[in-house]
Each structure stands twice: as structure tokens, then as C-alpha cells.
Amino acid sequence: MQFSVKISDYQKNTMVNMSDAELIGKDIIDGELKIHISESYYGTQLVDKDQATSFLKSASILNLVGKDTISLAIELGIGSESGVKIISDIPFLIIFNT
């Protein structure tokens, strides 16, 4: 299991954008809504579960996409199922811990 990650600073907070690696480059279409899971947003750095766990725990703002990514966050107690939005069978979750 690999995760694609991009880490940046946003208004003095650490922001982590993370996706299941296999979703990078995919388009998700639901009616009029089209979302492109891009390398420029979700990163090119591939990490394993241990590294992903460290990044998730250290972030103030998280933008997550994918079943494995969101399952890991929820398993760690970061975010909850109730905040997950499903678009064309792909889960999305945004978390602010500021």
C-alpha cells in the first residue's frame, strides 16, 4: 500500500494533501462534477504506511482522497466517517486541526 503526498505550509499551518497512489492522474466524474486527482496537488512523493501515519499525525490541515488514505486517518482517530464525502465511489475528507 502506497500513498502519494504533498506537504506545504499554509497560513502558518502544516497542510498535507494525501491520496491513494493509484488514484494519481485519474479523473472522477459524477454528473456535472469532474475532479482530477493531480500530482501537482496530491504530490509525487510516494510513501509507505509508516511514513503516511507520521505525516497524518503532524498536520494541521489535511486534504485526503482514497479508501486506504481515509481508512488510515480514521484508524488513527484523525477525522471521522461522518465527514467523508463519497464521489463516484471514491471517498474524500478534509480536516482542519487548527
Protein backbone atom coordinates (compact mmCIF):
# COMPACT_ATOMS: atom_id res chain seq x y z
CA MET A 1 0.00 0.00 0.00
CA GLN A 2 1.47 3.33 -1.09
CA PHE A 3 0.33 6.89 -0.63
CA SER A 4 1.11 9.98 -2.67
CA VAL A 5 1.75 13.03 -0.51
CA LYS A 6 2.43 16.74 -0.80
CA ILE A 7 3.30 18.77 2.29
CA SER A 8 3.16 22.55 2.37
CA ASP A 9 2.80 25.46 4.75
CA TYR A 10 -0.49 27.31 4.64
CA GLN A 11 -1.05 30.35 6.86
CA LYS A 12 1.44 29.07 9.46
CA ASN A 13 -0.10 25.58 9.43
CA THR A 14 1.23 22.33 8.01
CA MET A 15 -1.04 21.15 5.20
CA VAL A 16 -0.89 17.56 3.99
CA ASN A 17 -2.56 16.55 0.74
CA MET A 18 -2.58 12.75 0.52
CA SER A 19 -4.08 10.26 -1.88
CA ASP A 20 -4.00 6.55 -2.54
CA ALA A 21 -1.11 6.31 -5.02
CA GLU A 22 -3.15 4.50 -7.67
CA LEU A 23 -5.60 7.41 -7.92
CA ILE A 24 -2.99 9.92 -9.12
CA GLY A 25 -3.80 11.05 -12.65
CA LYS A 26 -7.37 9.74 -12.52
CA ASP A 27 -10.50 11.73 -13.30
CA ILE A 28 -13.52 11.26 -11.08
CA ILE A 29 -16.78 12.17 -12.77
CA ASP A 30 -20.19 12.40 -11.11
CA GLY A 31 -22.75 14.10 -13.31
CA GLU A 32 -21.56 17.68 -13.91
CA LEU A 33 -18.78 17.35 -11.31
CA LYS A 34 -15.31 16.42 -12.58
CA ILE A 35 -12.32 16.14 -10.24
CA HIS A 36 -8.79 15.44 -11.45
CA ILE A 37 -6.54 13.80 -8.85
CA SER A 38 -3.32 15.53 -9.89
CA GLU A 39 0.33 15.14 -8.96
CA SER A 40 0.57 18.91 -8.62
CA TYR A 41 -1.99 18.87 -5.79
CA TYR A 42 -1.56 15.47 -4.15
CA GLY A 43 2.16 15.20 -4.74
CA THR A 44 4.72 12.97 -6.36
CA GLN A 45 6.34 11.69 -3.17
CA LEU A 46 5.33 8.05 -2.62
CA VAL A 47 5.38 6.88 0.98
CA ASP A 48 4.55 3.70 2.87
CA LYS A 49 2.03 3.31 5.68
CA ASP A 50 4.50 4.24 8.45
CA GLN A 51 5.54 7.47 6.73
CA ALA A 52 1.92 8.29 5.89
CA THR A 53 0.99 7.80 9.55
CA SER A 54 3.69 10.25 10.62
CA PHE A 55 2.50 12.88 8.12
CA LEU A 56 -1.14 12.48 9.13
CA LYS A 57 -0.33 12.91 12.81
CA SER A 58 1.76 16.05 12.24
CA ALA A 59 -0.61 18.03 10.02
CA SER A 60 -2.96 20.84 10.94
CA ILE A 61 -4.88 20.72 7.67
CA LEU A 62 -5.47 17.52 5.73
CA ASN A 63 -6.98 17.03 2.30
CA LEU A 64 -7.40 13.29 1.80
CA VAL A 65 -8.70 11.12 -1.01
CA GLY A 66 -8.95 7.37 -1.42
CA LYS A 67 -10.12 4.39 0.58
CA ASP A 68 -6.73 3.43 2.05
CA THR A 69 -5.77 7.00 2.92
CA ILE A 70 -9.04 7.78 4.67
CA SER A 71 -9.21 4.40 6.40
CA LEU A 72 -5.75 5.05 7.85
CA ALA A 73 -6.73 8.52 9.07
CA ILE A 74 -9.90 7.23 10.74
CA GLU A 75 -7.98 4.29 12.26
CA LEU A 76 -5.61 6.85 13.81
CA GLY A 77 -8.53 8.86 15.22
CA ILE A 78 -7.97 11.69 12.77
CA GLY A 79 -11.32 12.64 11.28
CA SER A 80 -14.48 10.58 11.31
CA GLU A 81 -16.70 8.62 8.96
CA SER A 82 -19.36 11.31 9.23
CA GLY A 83 -17.08 13.83 7.48
CA VAL A 84 -16.37 11.62 4.48
CA LYS A 85 -17.91 12.61 1.14
CA ILE A 86 -18.22 9.86 -1.48
CA ILE A 87 -18.00 10.89 -5.13
CA SER A 88 -18.26 8.09 -7.70
CA ASP A 89 -17.26 5.51 -5.06
CA ILE A 90 -14.12 7.49 -4.10
CA PRO A 91 -14.03 8.91 -0.54
CA PHE A 92 -12.84 12.47 0.18
CA LEU A 93 -12.15 14.01 3.58
CA ILE A 94 -10.93 17.46 4.61
CA ILE A 95 -9.81 18.00 8.21
CA PHE A 96 -8.85 21.24 9.98
CA ASN A 97 -6.99 20.80 13.28
CA THR A 98 -6.02 24.42 13.83
